[in-house]
Amino acid sequence: MQNLGRSYRRFLVFTFITCISGSPASAQETIKLALIEPMSGPFAAVGTHALHQFQYIAERINADGGVGGRTLEILSYDNKLSVQETVVSAQKAVDAGARYVLVGNGSGPGGAIQDFVTRYNERNPGKEVMYLNYSAEDPVLTNERCSYWQFRWVPHTTMKMKALTSFIAKQPEIKKVYLINQDYSLGQNSRESARLFLKDMRPDISIVGDELHPLAKINDFAPYVAKIRASGADSVITANWGPDFALLLKASGEAGLKVRWFTFFGAGPGGPTAIKQAGLSGQVSAIVEGYSNQPGADDADFETDFRRRYAGYGWWYPRARNTIDMMVAAMRQGGSTEPSKIAPLLEGMNFKGAYGPVLMRGEDHQGFNDMYVVSLVPLKDGMKFDEESTGLGWQAVAPVPLSETVVDTTCKMKRPS
């Protein structure tokens, strides 16, 4: 027990007491949350680690008494990054008793879940399901396609690109930018918003390349890196994630390409390792809503204990922590676990998160929080955590306060009568 964190020890004690008393944590009484992510295939690391993170959050909350004595239970489903599998998994989850669905990676699956939940709730009044969107970033999900039953904690693509290009605009040495993105809604929106914001903020910057490539289909990015080199770009902007990001950086390192990288998901799985192997320490920036070396991130031994449990992994999803913490806060406040009772409490909620304040805008159910442009650099004074055992850790180079992340919405929310 000496090597276990304080919170995890509380969890074990709680579990022991529950087992010997037979109450209150029987299987029928758990609050089931379904996590639907790729658990197999090339993006399995993304889904598997998301599962670790949600399980860990649930354990801590259960150790703290759960919700009115009821514990959280995370059910996991493998959608294989497929829209069809996502919908099938959602139906299985609801049949298993889940009233809350977590889907993040891939705006295609995210959009499919939003449609599924809306239709299900129309057909099943009194048995509503809520979509907790912690990572699907297509702007339409809180604009044209907004839904009363979806709450989104991740900043959407437009918000992130606005923050990232604001930082780029302040770097006078940047003159030529290359855009490379995955060819689906997230990547397409990324390129469009990058062009829009750069034209407005730094019209002197030239877009010298604009590439879309198939999602999860490219094993060798060498031809793409050759195009970047030939363009004469001094910087690259990309919203690539998962293996597509890691393989792109790998090819860049092998080709000896020396440009600055501005990314959405440099902090994702495999990203720090790829940056290290490519020799790009200090050359890759990412836009995040929190990071491991941020003051407050390790409150109550949170980050330290998680890394002890899952060696080699840091906390990738600050927004996942905010998602569950705010859901539980609403449940405790309302004395209910019913989505129909929780939704009004989440609307407009101001929450003191571990990484800063969070506002859940009632108009469109889009969450807002501080963001940070961070760079992966060798550990130095005041930096406690490295990433993926690289000896490199995230350091903030530019904070973006919540007030500067707010964007308008076109959402016309249809609320239940």
Protein backbone atom coordinates (compact mmCIF):
# COMPACT_ATOMS: atom_id res chain seq x y z
CA MET A 1 0.00 0.00 0.00
CA GLN A 2 2.94 2.34 0.47
CA ASN A 3 3.28 2.87 -3.26
CA LEU A 4 -0.35 3.74 -3.83
CA GLY A 5 -1.70 7.31 -3.97
CA ARG A 6 -3.95 8.61 -1.25
CA SER A 7 -7.03 8.70 -3.47
CA TYR A 8 -6.51 5.19 -4.78
CA ARG A 9 -6.12 3.90 -1.23
CA ARG A 10 -9.46 5.53 -0.43
CA PHE A 11 -10.90 3.71 -3.43
CA LEU A 12 -9.68 0.35 -2.19
CA VAL A 13 -11.07 1.02 1.29
CA PHE A 14 -14.40 2.08 -0.19
CA THR A 15 -14.50 -1.02 -2.38
CA PHE A 16 -13.75 -3.23 0.62
CA ILE A 17 -16.45 -1.65 2.75
CA THR A 18 -18.92 -1.95 -0.11
CA CYS A 19 -18.13 -5.61 -0.63
CA ILE A 20 -18.62 -6.60 2.98
CA SER A 21 -21.79 -4.57 3.41
CA GLY A 22 -23.44 -5.51 0.12
CA SER A 23 -24.64 -1.92 -0.22
CA PRO A 24 -24.77 0.54 -1.90
CA ALA A 25 -22.77 -0.56 -4.93
CA SER A 26 -24.72 -3.46 -6.35
CA ALA A 27 -24.57 -3.90 -10.12
CA GLN A 28 -28.14 -2.63 -10.54
CA GLU A 29 -27.34 0.58 -8.76
CA THR A 30 -24.30 1.69 -10.71
CA ILE A 31 -24.50 4.72 -12.93
CA LYS A 32 -23.45 3.36 -16.30
CA LEU A 33 -21.49 5.47 -18.77
CA ALA A 34 -20.69 3.97 -22.17
CA LEU A 35 -17.34 4.85 -23.74
CA ILE A 36 -17.40 4.14 -27.49
CA GLU A 37 -13.98 4.47 -29.10
CA PRO A 38 -11.57 2.57 -31.39
CA MET A 39 -10.22 -0.21 -29.18
CA SER A 40 -8.67 -2.16 -32.05
CA GLY A 41 -6.80 -1.32 -35.25
CA PRO A 42 -4.22 1.43 -35.82
CA PHE A 43 -6.01 3.93 -33.53
CA ALA A 44 -6.46 1.46 -30.65
CA ALA A 45 -3.97 3.30 -28.44
CA VAL A 46 -6.20 6.37 -28.53
CA GLY A 47 -9.30 4.50 -27.41
CA THR A 48 -7.55 2.29 -24.90
CA HIS A 49 -5.92 5.16 -23.09
CA ALA A 50 -9.17 7.12 -23.08
CA LEU A 51 -10.68 4.10 -21.31
CA HIS A 52 -7.89 4.18 -18.73
CA GLN A 53 -8.55 7.83 -18.07
CA PHE A 54 -12.30 7.51 -17.63
CA GLN A 55 -11.89 4.44 -15.45
CA TYR A 56 -9.44 6.33 -13.29
CA ILE A 57 -11.77 9.33 -12.89
CA ALA A 58 -14.63 6.99 -11.98
CA GLU A 59 -12.48 5.26 -9.37
CA ARG A 60 -11.62 8.56 -7.71
CA ILE A 61 -15.24 9.69 -7.66
CA ASN A 62 -16.37 6.33 -6.31
CA ALA A 63 -13.69 6.58 -3.62
CA ASP A 64 -15.20 9.93 -2.70
CA GLY A 65 -18.62 8.40 -2.16
CA GLY A 66 -19.88 8.34 -5.73
CA VAL A 67 -23.22 10.07 -6.32
CA GLY A 68 -25.57 9.62 -3.41
CA GLY A 69 -23.85 6.34 -2.61
CA ARG A 70 -24.09 5.05 -6.18
CA THR A 71 -20.88 4.32 -8.06
CA LEU A 72 -19.92 5.12 -11.63
CA GLU A 73 -19.31 2.22 -14.00
CA ILE A 74 -17.55 2.68 -17.35
CA LEU A 75 -18.73 0.30 -20.08
CA SER A 76 -16.39 0.16 -23.09
CA TYR A 77 -17.26 -0.60 -26.72
CA ASP A 78 -15.00 -0.89 -29.76
CA ASN A 79 -16.32 1.11 -32.71
CA LYS A 80 -13.27 0.39 -34.88
CA LEU A 81 -13.43 4.11 -35.85
CA SER A 82 -16.54 3.25 -37.86
CA VAL A 83 -19.75 5.28 -37.90
CA GLN A 84 -21.84 2.13 -38.33
CA GLU A 85 -20.12 0.33 -35.45
CA THR A 86 -20.60 3.42 -33.31
CA VAL A 87 -24.37 3.34 -33.74
CA VAL A 88 -24.53 -0.42 -33.14
CA SER A 89 -22.45 0.03 -29.98
CA ALA A 90 -24.68 2.84 -28.77
CA GLN A 91 -27.75 0.63 -29.03
CA LYS A 92 -25.95 -2.13 -27.11
CA ALA A 93 -24.94 0.36 -24.44
CA VAL A 94 -28.48 1.65 -23.98
CA ASP A 95 -29.78 -1.92 -23.83
CA ALA A 96 -27.20 -2.54 -21.07
CA GLY A 97 -28.59 0.36 -19.06
CA ALA A 98 -26.26 3.23 -19.99
CA ARG A 99 -27.91 6.66 -19.97
CA TYR A 100 -24.72 8.58 -20.68
CA VAL A 101 -22.61 8.01 -23.79
CA LEU A 102 -19.02 9.18 -24.22
CA VAL A 103 -17.69 9.45 -27.77
CA GLY A 104 -14.73 11.61 -28.69
CA ASN A 105 -12.34 10.49 -31.35
CA GLY A 106 -13.63 11.17 -34.80
CA SER A 107 -16.31 13.75 -35.59
CA GLY A 108 -17.98 11.18 -37.86
CA PRO A 109 -18.74 8.86 -34.93
CA GLY A 110 -19.53 11.93 -32.81
CA GLY A 111 -22.11 13.17 -35.28
CA ALA A 112 -23.62 9.71 -35.57
CA ILE A 113 -24.05 9.49 -31.80
CA GLN A 114 -25.64 12.91 -31.68
CA ASP A 115 -28.23 11.83 -34.26
CA PHE A 116 -28.76 8.50 -32.49
CA VAL A 117 -29.37 10.15 -29.12
CA THR A 118 -31.76 12.73 -30.57
CA ARG A 119 -33.86 10.09 -32.31
CA TYR A 120 -33.78 7.73 -29.33
CA ASN A 121 -34.96 10.42 -26.95
CA GLU A 122 -37.81 11.42 -29.25
CA ARG A 123 -39.02 7.82 -29.23
CA ASN A 124 -38.42 7.16 -25.53
CA PRO A 125 -39.61 10.06 -23.38
CA GLY A 126 -38.71 9.54 -19.74
CA LYS A 127 -35.74 7.33 -20.65
CA GLU A 128 -33.51 9.99 -22.20
CA VAL A 129 -29.84 9.46 -22.98
CA MET A 130 -27.20 12.22 -22.88
CA TYR A 131 -24.18 12.52 -25.18
CA LEU A 132 -21.09 13.72 -23.30
CA ASN A 133 -18.82 14.94 -26.08
CA TYR A 134 -15.28 15.18 -24.78
CA SER A 135 -13.34 15.20 -28.04
CA ALA A 136 -15.35 15.38 -31.30
CA GLU A 137 -14.42 18.80 -32.66
CA ASP A 138 -16.48 19.45 -35.78
CA PRO A 139 -17.97 22.94 -35.24
CA VAL A 140 -21.35 21.94 -36.70
CA LEU A 141 -22.12 19.84 -33.61
CA THR A 142 -22.72 23.00 -31.56
CA ASN A 143 -23.84 25.11 -34.49
CA GLU A 144 -26.13 23.96 -37.31
CA ARG A 145 -26.58 20.47 -35.82
CA CYS A 146 -26.69 21.42 -32.13
CA SER A 147 -28.73 19.19 -29.84
CA TYR A 148 -30.22 19.70 -26.41
CA TRP A 149 -28.92 16.26 -25.44
CA GLN A 150 -25.29 16.91 -26.33
CA PHE A 151 -22.81 18.81 -24.15
CA ARG A 152 -19.34 19.40 -25.56
CA TRP A 153 -16.27 20.06 -23.43
CA VAL A 154 -13.58 20.07 -26.12
CA PRO A 155 -12.97 23.38 -27.92
CA HIS A 156 -14.10 22.93 -31.51
CA THR A 157 -11.84 23.34 -34.52
CA THR A 158 -12.61 26.99 -35.14
CA MET A 159 -11.90 27.90 -31.52
CA LYS A 160 -8.59 26.05 -31.50
CA MET A 161 -7.46 27.43 -34.86
CA LYS A 162 -8.33 30.97 -33.78
CA ALA A 163 -6.13 30.57 -30.69
CA LEU A 164 -3.30 28.90 -32.60
CA THR A 165 -3.20 31.41 -35.46
CA SER A 166 -3.34 34.29 -32.97
CA PHE A 167 -0.05 32.98 -31.61
CA ILE A 168 1.40 32.45 -35.10
CA ALA A 169 0.45 36.00 -36.08
CA LYS A 170 2.75 37.29 -33.32
CA GLN A 171 5.79 35.45 -34.74
CA PRO A 172 7.25 37.88 -37.33
CA GLU A 173 9.74 35.34 -38.66
CA ILE A 174 6.93 33.15 -40.02
CA LYS A 175 6.36 33.95 -43.70
CA LYS A 176 5.36 30.71 -45.48
CA VAL A 177 2.91 28.17 -44.07
CA TYR A 178 1.99 24.70 -45.31
CA LEU A 179 -1.35 23.11 -44.36
CA ILE A 180 -1.67 19.32 -44.15
CA ASN A 181 -4.73 17.60 -42.72
CA GLN A 182 -6.77 14.42 -42.73
CA ASP A 183 -9.50 14.40 -45.36
CA TYR A 184 -12.69 14.48 -43.31
CA SER A 185 -14.71 17.13 -41.52
CA LEU A 186 -12.11 18.03 -38.87
CA GLY A 187 -9.26 18.38 -41.35
CA GLN A 188 -11.40 20.22 -43.86
CA ASN A 189 -12.56 22.71 -41.26
CA SER A 190 -9.00 23.11 -40.01
CA ARG A 191 -7.71 24.19 -43.43
CA GLU A 192 -10.64 26.54 -44.00
CA SER A 193 -10.34 28.23 -40.62
CA ALA A 194 -6.53 28.49 -40.90
CA ARG A 195 -6.87 30.29 -44.21
CA LEU A 196 -9.59 32.57 -42.82
CA PHE A 197 -7.74 33.58 -39.66
CA LEU A 198 -4.31 33.98 -41.26
CA LYS A 199 -5.75 36.20 -43.97
CA ASP A 200 -7.32 38.37 -41.27
CA MET A 201 -4.43 38.42 -38.77
CA ARG A 202 -1.35 38.18 -40.98
CA PRO A 203 -2.23 38.78 -44.65
CA ASP A 204 1.50 38.86 -45.45
CA ILE A 205 1.86 35.14 -44.66
CA SER A 206 1.74 32.97 -47.79
CA ILE A 207 -0.06 29.61 -47.84
CA VAL A 208 2.48 27.68 -49.92
CA GLY A 209 0.76 24.29 -49.73
CA ASP A 210 -2.62 22.85 -48.74
CA GLU A 211 -2.85 19.05 -48.57
CA LEU A 212 -5.63 16.68 -47.56
CA HIS A 213 -4.83 12.98 -47.22
CA PRO A 214 -6.97 9.93 -46.38
CA LEU A 215 -7.61 9.27 -42.70
CA ALA A 216 -5.68 6.30 -41.28
CA LYS A 217 -4.57 5.05 -44.70
CA ILE A 218 -1.03 6.43 -45.08
CA ASN A 219 1.88 4.34 -43.79
CA ASP A 220 4.68 6.44 -45.31
CA PHE A 221 4.44 10.23 -45.30
CA ALA A 222 7.77 10.69 -47.10
CA PRO A 223 6.10 11.94 -50.35
CA TYR A 224 4.12 14.52 -48.36
CA VAL A 225 7.24 15.68 -46.53
CA ALA A 226 8.99 16.06 -49.89
CA LYS A 227 6.20 18.39 -51.01
CA ILE A 228 6.55 20.45 -47.83
CA ARG A 229 10.28 20.80 -48.40
CA ALA A 230 9.80 21.76 -52.05
CA SER A 231 7.29 24.46 -51.10
CA GLY A 232 9.88 26.37 -49.09
CA ALA A 233 7.58 26.50 -46.07
CA ASP A 234 9.05 27.67 -42.78
CA SER A 235 6.06 26.37 -40.76
CA VAL A 236 3.40 23.66 -40.94
CA ILE A 237 -0.10 23.71 -39.45
CA THR A 238 -1.81 20.35 -38.98
CA ALA A 239 -4.82 18.93 -37.16
CA ASN A 240 -3.60 15.36 -37.75
CA TRP A 241 -4.04 13.03 -34.80
CA GLY A 242 -3.15 9.49 -33.77
CA PRO A 243 -0.77 7.52 -36.00
CA ASP A 244 -1.25 10.03 -38.84
CA PHE A 245 0.48 12.66 -36.73
CA ALA A 246 3.23 10.38 -35.42
CA LEU A 247 4.04 8.98 -38.88
CA LEU A 248 4.11 12.48 -40.39
CA LEU A 249 6.65 13.63 -37.77
CA LYS A 250 8.63 10.41 -38.24
CA ALA A 251 8.94 11.04 -41.97
CA SER A 252 9.91 14.63 -41.30
CA GLY A 253 12.69 13.54 -38.97
CA GLU A 254 13.99 10.95 -41.43
CA ALA A 255 14.08 13.59 -44.18
CA GLY A 256 15.82 16.11 -41.96
CA LEU A 257 13.07 18.68 -42.58
CA LYS A 258 13.53 21.65 -40.25
CA VAL A 259 10.36 23.68 -39.98
CA ARG A 260 8.19 24.79 -37.10
CA TRP A 261 5.10 22.69 -36.42
CA PHE A 262 1.80 24.05 -35.09
CA THR A 263 -0.52 21.23 -34.14
CA PHE A 264 -3.85 20.36 -32.57
CA PHE A 265 -2.77 16.97 -31.27
CA GLY A 266 0.97 16.98 -30.72
CA ALA A 267 0.23 15.96 -27.15
CA GLY A 268 -1.71 12.87 -28.25
CA PRO A 269 -0.56 9.26 -28.23
CA GLY A 270 2.77 8.75 -29.94
CA GLY A 271 3.21 12.49 -30.48
CA PRO A 272 5.94 13.14 -27.88
CA THR A 273 7.83 10.01 -28.96
CA ALA A 274 7.70 11.09 -32.60
CA ILE A 275 8.87 14.60 -31.69
CA LYS A 276 11.78 13.16 -29.72
CA GLN A 277 12.78 10.74 -32.49
CA ALA A 278 12.53 13.45 -35.15
CA GLY A 279 14.85 15.72 -33.17
CA LEU A 280 12.17 18.44 -33.02
CA SER A 281 12.39 19.39 -29.35
CA GLY A 282 11.22 22.98 -28.99
CA GLN A 283 9.99 23.07 -32.62
CA VAL A 284 6.51 21.58 -32.14
CA SER A 285 3.69 23.58 -30.57
CA ALA A 286 0.27 22.27 -29.61
CA ILE A 287 -2.94 24.00 -28.56
CA VAL A 288 -4.36 22.40 -25.41
CA GLU A 289 -6.83 23.18 -22.64
CA GLY A 290 -4.45 22.00 -19.91
CA TYR A 291 -1.14 20.20 -19.51
CA SER A 292 0.59 18.02 -16.97
CA ASN A 293 3.07 20.62 -15.69
CA GLN A 294 0.37 23.25 -15.25
CA PRO A 295 -0.12 24.46 -11.66
CA GLY A 296 -3.13 22.64 -10.23
CA ALA A 297 -2.95 19.66 -12.60
CA ASP A 298 -1.46 17.46 -9.88
CA ASP A 299 -3.73 18.59 -7.07
CA ALA A 300 -4.43 15.74 -4.63
CA ASP A 301 -1.69 13.75 -6.38
CA PHE A 302 -3.90 13.36 -9.48
CA GLU A 303 -1.25 13.25 -12.24
CA THR A 304 1.33 11.51 -10.08
CA ASP A 305 -1.06 8.74 -9.07
CA PHE A 306 -2.36 8.23 -12.61
CA ARG A 307 1.18 7.80 -13.94
CA ARG A 308 1.91 5.35 -11.17
CA ARG A 309 -1.09 3.29 -12.27
CA TYR A 310 -0.35 3.50 -16.00
CA ALA A 311 3.43 3.62 -16.41
CA GLY A 312 4.61 5.54 -19.43
CA TYR A 313 1.38 7.49 -19.87
CA GLY A 314 0.43 10.99 -18.83
CA TRP A 315 -2.99 12.60 -18.65
CA TRP A 316 -3.96 13.44 -22.24
CA TYR A 317 -7.50 14.68 -21.73
CA PRO A 318 -8.01 17.56 -19.27
CA ARG A 319 -11.46 17.88 -20.82
CA ALA A 320 -12.32 14.31 -19.83
CA ARG A 321 -11.69 15.26 -16.22
CA ASN A 322 -13.91 18.33 -16.60
CA THR A 323 -16.63 16.28 -18.33
CA ILE A 324 -17.10 13.81 -15.51
CA ASP A 325 -16.47 16.28 -12.70
CA MET A 326 -19.17 18.63 -14.04
CA MET A 327 -21.63 15.82 -14.70
CA VAL A 328 -21.18 14.57 -11.15
CA ALA A 329 -21.47 18.10 -9.75
CA ALA A 330 -24.81 18.48 -11.55
CA MET A 331 -26.00 15.10 -10.27
CA ARG A 332 -25.07 15.96 -6.69
CA GLN A 333 -26.65 19.40 -6.98
CA GLY A 334 -29.88 18.06 -8.43
CA GLY A 335 -30.06 14.90 -6.36
CA SER A 336 -30.75 12.93 -9.53
CA THR A 337 -28.93 10.94 -12.19
CA GLU A 338 -31.64 11.42 -14.83
CA PRO A 339 -30.34 13.17 -17.96
CA SER A 340 -33.55 15.21 -18.14
CA LYS A 341 -32.79 16.61 -14.67
CA ILE A 342 -29.07 17.07 -15.29
CA ALA A 343 -29.25 18.95 -18.59
CA PRO A 344 -30.80 22.15 -17.14
CA LEU A 345 -28.13 22.21 -14.45
CA LEU A 346 -25.27 21.85 -16.91
CA GLU A 347 -26.62 24.67 -19.05
CA GLY A 348 -24.74 27.82 -18.12
CA MET A 349 -22.72 26.08 -15.42
CA ASN A 350 -19.59 27.90 -14.24
CA PHE A 351 -17.19 25.34 -12.83
CA LYS A 352 -13.84 25.63 -11.10
CA GLY A 353 -11.87 22.95 -12.95
CA ALA A 354 -8.43 21.62 -12.14
CA TYR A 355 -7.01 23.42 -15.20
CA GLY A 356 -8.96 26.64 -14.79
CA PRO A 357 -12.54 27.91 -15.00
CA VAL A 358 -15.01 26.20 -17.33
CA LEU A 359 -18.19 27.75 -18.72
CA MET A 360 -20.84 25.56 -20.35
CA ARG A 361 -22.72 27.98 -22.60
CA GLY A 362 -26.44 27.36 -22.41
CA GLU A 363 -27.15 28.65 -25.89
CA ASP A 364 -25.40 25.80 -27.71
CA HIS A 365 -23.94 23.53 -24.97
CA GLN A 366 -20.37 24.43 -25.97
CA GLY A 367 -17.81 24.46 -23.17
CA PHE A 368 -15.21 27.21 -22.88
CA ASN A 369 -12.03 27.27 -20.85
CA ASP A 370 -8.54 28.71 -20.85
CA MET A 371 -6.27 27.30 -23.53
CA TYR A 372 -2.50 27.19 -23.86
CA VAL A 373 0.00 27.06 -26.66
CA VAL A 374 2.58 24.61 -25.33
CA SER A 375 5.96 23.39 -26.57
CA LEU A 376 7.69 20.09 -25.83
CA VAL A 377 11.09 20.85 -24.33
CA PRO A 378 13.68 19.18 -22.06
CA LEU A 379 12.62 19.19 -18.43
CA LYS A 380 13.86 22.20 -16.55
CA ASP A 381 13.22 23.90 -13.22
CA GLY A 382 9.57 23.74 -12.17
CA MET A 383 8.67 21.01 -14.68
CA LYS A 384 7.77 17.78 -12.91
CA PHE A 385 6.48 15.52 -15.69
CA ASP A 386 7.92 14.34 -18.99
CA GLU A 387 5.86 12.59 -21.68
CA GLU A 388 6.15 8.99 -22.90
CA SER A 389 9.48 8.64 -21.06
CA THR A 390 11.16 10.99 -23.55
CA GLY A 391 12.70 13.32 -20.98
CA LEU A 392 10.69 16.08 -22.67
CA GLY A 393 7.77 17.86 -21.05
CA TRP A 394 5.11 20.37 -22.07
CA GLN A 395 5.77 23.98 -21.23
CA ALA A 396 3.33 26.83 -21.82
CA VAL A 397 4.60 29.50 -24.18
CA ALA A 398 1.36 31.47 -24.53
CA PRO A 399 -1.80 31.32 -22.39
CA VAL A 400 -5.13 32.03 -24.08
CA PRO A 401 -7.70 33.19 -21.51
CA LEU A 402 -11.26 31.89 -21.70
CA SER A 403 -12.59 35.27 -22.78
CA GLU A 404 -10.49 35.11 -25.97
CA THR A 405 -11.73 31.63 -26.92
CA VAL A 406 -15.40 32.58 -27.21
CA VAL A 407 -16.87 32.47 -30.71
CA ASP A 408 -20.41 33.03 -31.95
CA THR A 409 -22.82 30.19 -32.63
CA THR A 410 -25.57 29.65 -35.18
CA CYS A 411 -27.30 27.09 -32.95
CA LYS A 412 -31.07 27.28 -32.75
CA MET A 413 -31.61 24.90 -29.87
CA LYS A 414 -34.72 22.72 -30.02
CA ARG A 415 -35.63 22.09 -26.42
CA PRO A 416 -37.96 19.38 -25.14
CA SER A 417 -41.44 20.63 -24.38
